[in-house]
């Protein structure tokens, strides 16, 4: 199932997730630091949604109070709450 999320407080502009049976099948992050966002996307492919949340939640980028990985956890938490 494709899910789109607009992150807040970071450089990336959109996160496009494909989640199937609780597994992240793909992730595309639009904007942000290209190398980092591509790396995050490759690393989370094939992971359980809950495992991604556990590993990335709370990571900060500078003084922003959040980061693209942290915003990804917010996207996944919202996805889970909307698709119970």
PDB file of N, CA and C in Angstrom:
ATOM      1  N   UNK A   1       0.848  -1.165   0.000  1.00  0.00           N
ATOM      2  CA  UNK A   1       0.000   0.000   0.000  1.00  0.00           C
ATOM      3  C   UNK A   1       0.899   1.234   0.000  1.00  0.00           C
ATOM      4  N   UNK A   2       0.668   2.119  -0.950  1.00  0.00           N
ATOM      5  CA  UNK A   2       1.442   3.362  -0.992  1.00  0.00           C
ATOM      6  C   UNK A   2       0.899   4.355   0.032  1.00  0.00           C
ATOM      7  N   UNK A   3       1.827   5.001   0.719  1.00  0.00           N
ATOM      8  CA  UNK A   3       1.475   6.009   1.713  1.00  0.00           C
ATOM      9  C   UNK A   3       2.394   7.206   1.530  1.00  0.00           C
ATOM     10  N   UNK A   4       1.823   8.396   1.495  1.00  0.00           N
ATOM     11  CA  UNK A   4       2.600   9.629   1.320  1.00  0.00           C
ATOM     12  C   UNK A   4       2.523  10.458   2.600  1.00  0.00           C
ATOM     13  N   UNK A   5       3.677  11.025   2.956  1.00  0.00           N
ATOM     14  CA  UNK A   5       3.767  11.804   4.188  1.00  0.00           C
ATOM     15  C   UNK A   5       4.564  13.072   3.909  1.00  0.00           C
ATOM     16  N   UNK A   6       4.086  14.187   4.439  1.00  0.00           N
ATOM     17  CA  UNK A   6       4.797  15.467   4.324  1.00  0.00           C
ATOM     18  C   UNK A   6       5.536  15.699   5.643  1.00  0.00           C
ATOM     19  N   UNK A   7       6.876  15.588   5.617  1.00  0.00           N
ATOM     20  CA  UNK A   7       7.631  15.784   6.857  1.00  0.00           C
ATOM     21  C   UNK A   7       7.632  17.238   7.305  1.00  0.00           C
ATOM     22  N   UNK A   8       7.873  17.423   8.601  1.00  0.00           N
ATOM     23  CA  UNK A   8       7.872  18.765   9.178  1.00  0.00           C
ATOM     24  C   UNK A   8       9.216  19.038   9.847  1.00  0.00           C
ATOM     25  N   UNK A   9       9.766  20.243   9.622  1.00  0.00           N
ATOM     26  CA  UNK A   9      10.976  20.669  10.298  1.00  0.00           C
ATOM     27  C   UNK A   9      12.276  20.142   9.720  1.00  0.00           C
ATOM     28  N   UNK A  10      12.222  19.555   8.521  1.00  0.00           N
ATOM     29  CA  UNK A  10      13.423  19.017   7.872  1.00  0.00           C
ATOM     30  C   UNK A  10      13.494  19.493   6.423  1.00  0.00           C
ATOM     31  N   UNK A  11      14.605  19.191   5.770  1.00  0.00           N
ATOM     32  CA  UNK A  11      14.810  19.629   4.385  1.00  0.00           C
ATOM     33  C   UNK A  11      13.989  18.823   3.377  1.00  0.00           C
ATOM     34  N   UNK A  12      13.721  17.550   3.675  1.00  0.00           N
ATOM     35  CA  UNK A  12      12.949  16.750   2.723  1.00  0.00           C
ATOM     36  C   UNK A  12      11.511  17.262   2.651  1.00  0.00           C
ATOM     37  N   UNK A  13      10.900  17.064   1.480  1.00  0.00           N
ATOM     38  CA  UNK A  13       9.571  17.613   1.229  1.00  0.00           C
ATOM     39  C   UNK A  13       8.453  16.567   1.226  1.00  0.00           C
ATOM     40  N   UNK A  14       8.812  15.322   0.958  1.00  0.00           N
ATOM     41  CA  UNK A  14       7.790  14.270   0.915  1.00  0.00           C
ATOM     42  C   UNK A  14       8.461  12.913   1.088  1.00  0.00           C
ATOM     43  N   UNK A  15       7.737  11.996   1.729  1.00  0.00           N
ATOM     44  CA  UNK A  15       8.171  10.614   1.872  1.00  0.00           C
ATOM     45  C   UNK A  15       7.089   9.736   1.276  1.00  0.00           C
ATOM     46  N   UNK A  16       7.502   8.879   0.353  1.00  0.00           N
ATOM     47  CA  UNK A  16       6.566   7.987  -0.326  1.00  0.00           C
ATOM     48  C   UNK A  16       6.950   6.561   0.046  1.00  0.00           C
ATOM     49  N   UNK A  17       6.072   5.920   0.795  1.00  0.00           N
ATOM     50  CA  UNK A  17       6.331   4.580   1.316  1.00  0.00           C
ATOM     51  C   UNK A  17       5.450   3.559   0.636  1.00  0.00           C
ATOM     52  N   UNK A  18       5.993   2.364   0.478  1.00  0.00           N
ATOM     53  CA  UNK A  18       5.178   1.220   0.085  1.00  0.00           C
ATOM     54  C   UNK A  18       5.330   0.203   1.206  1.00  0.00           C
ATOM     55  N   UNK A  19       4.237  -0.045   1.923  1.00  0.00           N
ATOM     56  CA  UNK A  19       4.243  -0.970   3.052  1.00  0.00           C
ATOM     57  C   UNK A  19       3.288  -2.108   2.737  1.00  0.00           C
ATOM     58  N   UNK A  20       3.784  -3.328   2.919  1.00  0.00           N
ATOM     59  CA  UNK A  20       2.962  -4.500   2.636  1.00  0.00           C
ATOM     60  C   UNK A  20       3.154  -5.518   3.768  1.00  0.00           C
ATOM     61  N   UNK A  21       2.073  -5.912   4.391  1.00  0.00           N
ATOM     62  CA  UNK A  21       2.111  -6.898   5.480  1.00  0.00           C
ATOM     63  C   UNK A  21       3.092  -6.506   6.580  1.00  0.00           C
ATOM     64  N   UNK A  22       3.128  -5.213   6.926  1.00  0.00           N
ATOM     65  CA  UNK A  22       3.971  -4.743   8.011  1.00  0.00           C
ATOM     66  C   UNK A  22       5.446  -4.586   7.661  1.00  0.00           C
ATOM     67  N   UNK A  23       5.778  -4.722   6.373  1.00  0.00           N
ATOM     68  CA  UNK A  23       7.161  -4.630   5.894  1.00  0.00           C
ATOM     69  C   UNK A  23       7.283  -3.429   4.958  1.00  0.00           C
ATOM     70  N   UNK A  24       8.361  -2.641   5.131  1.00  0.00           N
ATOM     71  CA  UNK A  24       8.628  -1.529   4.217  1.00  0.00           C
ATOM     72  C   UNK A  24       9.197  -2.128   2.930  1.00  0.00           C
ATOM     73  N   UNK A  25       8.436  -2.056   1.864  1.00  0.00           N
ATOM     74  CA  UNK A  25       8.880  -2.591   0.568  1.00  0.00           C
ATOM     75  C   UNK A  25       9.748  -1.581  -0.171  1.00  0.00           C
ATOM     76  N   UNK A  26       9.406  -0.294  -0.050  1.00  0.00           N
ATOM     77  CA  UNK A  26      10.222   0.747  -0.672  1.00  0.00           C
ATOM     78  C   UNK A  26       9.958   2.074   0.019  1.00  0.00           C
ATOM     79  N   UNK A  27      10.932   2.963  -0.127  1.00  0.00           N
ATOM     80  CA  UNK A  27      10.828   4.312   0.422  1.00  0.00           C
ATOM     81  C   UNK A  27      11.531   5.255  -0.526  1.00  0.00           C
ATOM     82  N   UNK A  28      10.850   6.319  -0.883  1.00  0.00           N
ATOM     83  CA  UNK A  28      11.457   7.389  -1.670  1.00  0.00           C
ATOM     84  C   UNK A  28      11.284   8.673  -0.874  1.00  0.00           C
ATOM     85  N   UNK A  29      12.399   9.369  -0.656  1.00  0.00           N
ATOM     86  CA  UNK A  29      12.359  10.646   0.050  1.00  0.00           C
ATOM     87  C   UNK A  29      12.674  11.737  -0.956  1.00  0.00           C
ATOM     88  N   UNK A  30      11.769  12.681  -1.106  1.00  0.00           N
ATOM     89  CA  UNK A  30      11.922  13.785  -2.054  1.00  0.00           C
ATOM     90  C   UNK A  30      12.559  14.952  -1.314  1.00  0.00           C
ATOM     91  N   UNK A  31      13.688  15.427  -1.823  1.00  0.00           N
ATOM     92  CA  UNK A  31      14.409  16.520  -1.180  1.00  0.00           C
ATOM     93  C   UNK A  31      15.302  15.999  -0.076  1.00  0.00           C
ATOM     94  N   UNK A  32      15.940  16.893   0.635  1.00  0.00           N
ATOM     95  CA  UNK A  32      16.850  16.493   1.691  1.00  0.00           C
ATOM     96  C   UNK A  32      18.236  16.214   1.143  1.00  0.00           C
ATOM     97  N   UNK A  33      19.105  15.704   1.974  1.00  0.00           N
ATOM     98  CA  UNK A  33      20.480  15.372   1.601  1.00  0.00           C
ATOM     99  C   UNK A  33      20.457  14.072   0.809  1.00  0.00           C
ATOM    100  N   UNK A  34      20.720  14.151  -0.474  1.00  0.00           N
ATOM    101  CA  UNK A  34      20.505  13.024  -1.385  1.00  0.00           C
ATOM    102  C   UNK A  34      21.174  11.728  -0.931  1.00  0.00           C
ATOM    103  N   UNK A  35      22.430  11.785  -0.579  1.00  0.00           N
ATOM    104  CA  UNK A  35      23.124  10.562  -0.164  1.00  0.00           C
ATOM    105  C   UNK A  35      22.524   9.955   1.080  1.00  0.00           C
ATOM    106  N   UNK A  36      22.220  10.787   2.056  1.00  0.00           N
ATOM    107  CA  UNK A  36      21.643  10.289   3.308  1.00  0.00           C
ATOM    108  C   UNK A  36      20.257   9.705   3.094  1.00  0.00           C
ATOM    109  N   UNK A  37      19.425  10.404   2.338  1.00  0.00           N
ATOM    110  CA  UNK A  37      18.059   9.914   2.164  1.00  0.00           C
ATOM    111  C   UNK A  37      18.029   8.643   1.306  1.00  0.00           C
ATOM    112  N   UNK A  38      18.923   8.549   0.322  1.00  0.00           N
ATOM    113  CA  UNK A  38      19.007   7.312  -0.470  1.00  0.00           C
ATOM    114  C   UNK A  38      19.494   6.163   0.398  1.00  0.00           C
ATOM    115  N   UNK A  39      20.466   6.447   1.277  1.00  0.00           N
ATOM    116  CA  UNK A  39      20.973   5.419   2.174  1.00  0.00           C
ATOM    117  C   UNK A  39      19.908   4.921   3.133  1.00  0.00           C
ATOM    118  N   UNK A  40      19.167   5.853   3.733  1.00  0.00           N
ATOM    119  CA  UNK A  40      18.082   5.475   4.645  1.00  0.00           C
ATOM    120  C   UNK A  40      17.067   4.604   3.903  1.00  0.00           C
ATOM    121  N   UNK A  41      16.731   5.021   2.685  1.00  0.00           N
ATOM    122  CA  UNK A  41      15.738   4.279   1.897  1.00  0.00           C
ATOM    123  C   UNK A  41      16.180   2.832   1.674  1.00  0.00           C
ATOM    124  N   UNK A  42      17.427   2.636   1.298  1.00  0.00           N
ATOM    125  CA  UNK A  42      17.936   1.279   1.050  1.00  0.00           C
ATOM    126  C   UNK A  42      18.003   0.457   2.337  1.00  0.00           C
ATOM    127  N   UNK A  43      18.394   1.109   3.437  1.00  0.00           N
ATOM    128  CA  UNK A  43      18.532   0.385   4.695  1.00  0.00           C
ATOM    129  C   UNK A  43      17.200  -0.116   5.244  1.00  0.00           C
ATOM    130  N   UNK A  44      16.126   0.646   5.065  1.00  0.00           N
ATOM    131  CA  UNK A  44      14.844   0.242   5.662  1.00  0.00           C
ATOM    132  C   UNK A  44      14.047  -0.710   4.771  1.00  0.00           C
ATOM    133  N   UNK A  45      14.418  -0.843   3.510  1.00  0.00           N
ATOM    134  CA  UNK A  45      13.701  -1.769   2.631  1.00  0.00           C
ATOM    135  C   UNK A  45      13.803  -3.184   3.186  1.00  0.00           C
ATOM    136  N   UNK A  46      12.662  -3.832   3.321  1.00  0.00           N
ATOM    137  CA  UNK A  46      12.614  -5.190   3.829  1.00  0.00           C
ATOM    138  C   UNK A  46      12.500  -5.286   5.341  1.00  0.00           C
ATOM    139  N   UNK A  47      12.552  -4.146   6.028  1.00  0.00           N
ATOM    140  CA  UNK A  47      12.443  -4.145   7.491  1.00  0.00           C
ATOM    141  C   UNK A  47      10.994  -4.083   7.931  1.00  0.00           C
ATOM    142  N   UNK A  48      10.726  -4.630   9.123  1.00  0.00           N
ATOM    143  CA  UNK A  48       9.410  -4.487   9.731  1.00  0.00           C
ATOM    144  C   UNK A  48       9.230  -3.025  10.137  1.00  0.00           C
ATOM    145  N   UNK A  49       8.025  -2.527   9.971  1.00  0.00           N
ATOM    146  CA  UNK A  49       7.706  -1.139  10.312  1.00  0.00           C
ATOM    147  C   UNK A  49       8.105  -0.842  11.761  1.00  0.00           C
ATOM    148  N   UNK A  50       7.761  -1.727  12.671  1.00  0.00           N
ATOM    149  CA  UNK A  50       8.062  -1.513  14.088  1.00  0.00           C
ATOM    150  C   UNK A  50       9.565  -1.435  14.348  1.00  0.00           C
ATOM    151  N   UNK A  51      10.354  -2.221  13.624  1.00  0.00           N
ATOM    152  CA  UNK A  51      11.809  -2.201  13.792  1.00  0.00           C
ATOM    153  C   UNK A  51      12.406  -0.880  13.308  1.00  0.00           C
ATOM    154  N   UNK A  52      11.876  -0.358  12.206  1.00  0.00           N
ATOM    155  CA  UNK A  52      12.347   0.939  11.697  1.00  0.00           C
ATOM    156  C   UNK A  52      12.065   2.018  12.734  1.00  0.00           C
ATOM    157  N   UNK A  53      10.860   2.010  13.283  1.00  0.00           N
ATOM    158  CA  UNK A  53      10.485   3.003  14.301  1.00  0.00           C
ATOM    159  C   UNK A  53      11.424   2.906  15.499  1.00  0.00           C
ATOM    160  N   UNK A  54      11.665   1.698  15.964  1.00  0.00           N
ATOM    161  CA  UNK A  54      12.518   1.496  17.139  1.00  0.00           C
ATOM    162  C   UNK A  54      13.941   2.014  16.913  1.00  0.00           C
ATOM    163  N   UNK A  55      14.491   1.785  15.732  1.00  0.00           N
ATOM    164  CA  UNK A  55      15.879   2.172  15.457  1.00  0.00           C
ATOM    165  C   UNK A  55      16.059   3.659  15.178  1.00  0.00           C
ATOM    166  N   UNK A  56      15.075   4.307  14.548  1.00  0.00           N
ATOM    167  CA  UNK A  56      15.285   5.666  14.047  1.00  0.00           C
ATOM    168  C   UNK A  56      14.593   6.765  14.853  1.00  0.00           C
ATOM    169  N   UNK A  57      13.663   6.394  15.706  1.00  0.00           N
ATOM    170  CA  UNK A  57      12.900   7.394  16.454  1.00  0.00           C
ATOM    171  C   UNK A  57      13.813   8.237  17.344  1.00  0.00           C
ATOM    172  N   UNK A  58      13.641   9.549  17.267  1.00  0.00           N
ATOM    173  CA  UNK A  58      14.368  10.471  18.129  1.00  0.00           C
ATOM    174  C   UNK A  58      15.692  10.971  17.592  1.00  0.00           C
ATOM    175  N   UNK A  59      16.136  10.484  16.443  1.00  0.00           N
ATOM    176  CA  UNK A  59      17.389  10.977  15.862  1.00  0.00           C
ATOM    177  C   UNK A  59      17.194  12.442  15.487  1.00  0.00           C
ATOM    178  N   UNK A  60      18.185  13.271  15.815  1.00  0.00           N
ATOM    179  CA  UNK A  60      18.086  14.702  15.519  1.00  0.00           C
ATOM    180  C   UNK A  60      19.120  15.116  14.491  1.00  0.00           C
ATOM    181  N   UNK A  61      18.798  16.153  13.751  1.00  0.00           N
ATOM    182  CA  UNK A  61      19.694  16.757  12.759  1.00  0.00           C
ATOM    183  C   UNK A  61      19.999  18.171  13.234  1.00  0.00           C
ATOM    184  N   UNK A  62      21.214  18.372  13.732  1.00  0.00           N
ATOM    185  CA  UNK A  62      21.580  19.688  14.231  1.00  0.00           C
ATOM    186  C   UNK A  62      20.656  20.119  15.351  1.00  0.00           C
ATOM    187  N   UNK A  63      20.208  21.355  15.264  1.00  0.00           N
ATOM    188  CA  UNK A  63      19.346  21.922  16.303  1.00  0.00           C
ATOM    189  C   UNK A  63      17.864  21.883  15.920  1.00  0.00           C
ATOM    190  N   UNK A  64      17.517  21.099  14.924  1.00  0.00           N
ATOM    191  CA  UNK A  64      16.139  21.063  14.424  1.00  0.00           C
ATOM    192  C   UNK A  64      15.166  20.360  15.369  1.00  0.00           C
ATOM    193  N   UNK A  65      15.661  19.515  16.238  1.00  0.00           N
ATOM    194  CA  UNK A  65      14.773  18.764  17.117  1.00  0.00           C
ATOM    195  C   UNK A  65      14.156  17.551  16.455  1.00  0.00           C
ATOM    196  N   UNK A  66      14.494  17.316  15.204  1.00  0.00           N
ATOM    197  CA  UNK A  66      14.011  16.158  14.447  1.00  0.00           C
ATOM    198  C   UNK A  66      15.021  15.911  13.324  1.00  0.00           C
ATOM    199  N   UNK A  67      14.733  14.963  12.462  1.00  0.00           N
ATOM    200  CA  UNK A  67      15.589  14.642  11.323  1.00  0.00           C
ATOM    201  C   UNK A  67      14.750  13.883  10.306  1.00  0.00           C
ATOM    202  N   UNK A  68      15.317  13.635   9.141  1.00  0.00           N
ATOM    203  CA  UNK A  68      14.585  12.824   8.161  1.00  0.00           C
ATOM    204  C   UNK A  68      14.316  11.418   8.705  1.00  0.00           C
ATOM    205  N   UNK A  69      15.292  10.749   9.355  1.00  0.00           N
ATOM    206  CA  UNK A  69      14.962   9.448   9.934  1.00  0.00           C
ATOM    207  C   UNK A  69      13.853   9.538  10.992  1.00  0.00           C
ATOM    208  N   UNK A  70      13.898  10.559  11.834  1.00  0.00           N
ATOM    209  CA  UNK A  70      12.857  10.742  12.852  1.00  0.00           C
ATOM    210  C   UNK A  70      11.506  11.012  12.196  1.00  0.00           C
ATOM    211  N   UNK A  71      11.495  11.808  11.143  1.00  0.00           N
ATOM    212  CA  UNK A  71      10.242  12.077  10.440  1.00  0.00           C
ATOM    213  C   UNK A  71       9.704  10.818   9.773  1.00  0.00           C
ATOM    214  N   UNK A  72      10.609   9.943   9.328  1.00  0.00           N
ATOM    215  CA  UNK A  72      10.174   8.657   8.777  1.00  0.00           C
ATOM    216  C   UNK A  72       9.429   7.863   9.842  1.00  0.00           C
ATOM    217  N   UNK A  73       9.908   7.893  11.080  1.00  0.00           N
ATOM    218  CA  UNK A  73       9.198   7.173  12.147  1.00  0.00           C
ATOM    219  C   UNK A  73       7.821   7.776  12.380  1.00  0.00           C
ATOM    220  N   UNK A  74       7.714   9.087  12.270  1.00  0.00           N
ATOM    221  CA  UNK A  74       6.409   9.730  12.428  1.00  0.00           C
ATOM    222  C   UNK A  74       5.473   9.318  11.293  1.00  0.00           C
ATOM    223  N   UNK A  75       6.014   9.211  10.086  1.00  0.00           N
ATOM    224  CA  UNK A  75       5.222   8.749   8.937  1.00  0.00           C
ATOM    225  C   UNK A  75       4.720   7.329   9.181  1.00  0.00           C
ATOM    226  N   UNK A  76       5.609   6.465   9.663  1.00  0.00           N
ATOM    227  CA  UNK A  76       5.230   5.076   9.896  1.00  0.00           C
ATOM    228  C   UNK A  76       4.241   4.938  11.050  1.00  0.00           C
ATOM    229  N   UNK A  77       4.410   5.734  12.092  1.00  0.00           N
ATOM    230  CA  UNK A  77       3.455   5.706  13.201  1.00  0.00           C
ATOM    231  C   UNK A  77       2.076   6.170  12.735  1.00  0.00           C
ATOM    232  N   UNK A  78       2.053   7.205  11.898  1.00  0.00           N
ATOM    233  CA  UNK A  78       0.774   7.686  11.362  1.00  0.00           C
ATOM    234  C   UNK A  78       0.153   6.620  10.464  1.00  0.00           C
ATOM    235  N   UNK A  79       0.982   5.998   9.643  1.00  0.00           N
ATOM    236  CA  UNK A  79       0.497   4.922   8.774  1.00  0.00           C
ATOM    237  C   UNK A  79      -0.145   3.814   9.610  1.00  0.00           C
ATOM    238  N   UNK A  80       0.554   3.402  10.663  1.00  0.00           N
ATOM    239  CA  UNK A  80       0.014   2.312  11.509  1.00  0.00           C
ATOM    240  C   UNK A  80      -1.310   2.717  12.150  1.00  0.00           C
ATOM    241  N   UNK A  81      -1.400   3.955  12.648  1.00  0.00           N
ATOM    242  CA  UNK A  81      -2.636   4.373  13.314  1.00  0.00           C
ATOM    243  C   UNK A  81      -3.807   4.492  12.334  1.00  0.00           C
ATOM    244  N   UNK A  82      -3.508   4.834  11.086  1.00  0.00           N
ATOM    245  CA  UNK A  82      -4.565   4.969  10.078  1.00  0.00           C
ATOM    246  C   UNK A  82      -4.951   3.633   9.453  1.00  0.00           C
ATOM    247  N   UNK A  83      -4.124   2.617   9.638  1.00  0.00           N
ATOM    248  CA  UNK A  83      -4.376   1.318   8.966  1.00  0.00           C
ATOM    249  C   UNK A  83      -4.433   0.166   9.960  1.00  0.00           C
ATOM    250  N   UNK A  84      -5.105   0.379  11.071  1.00  0.00           N
ATOM    251  CA  UNK A  84      -5.254  -0.687  12.077  1.00  0.00           C
ATOM    252  C   UNK A  84      -6.217  -1.740  11.620  1.00  0.00           C
TER     253      UNK A  84
END
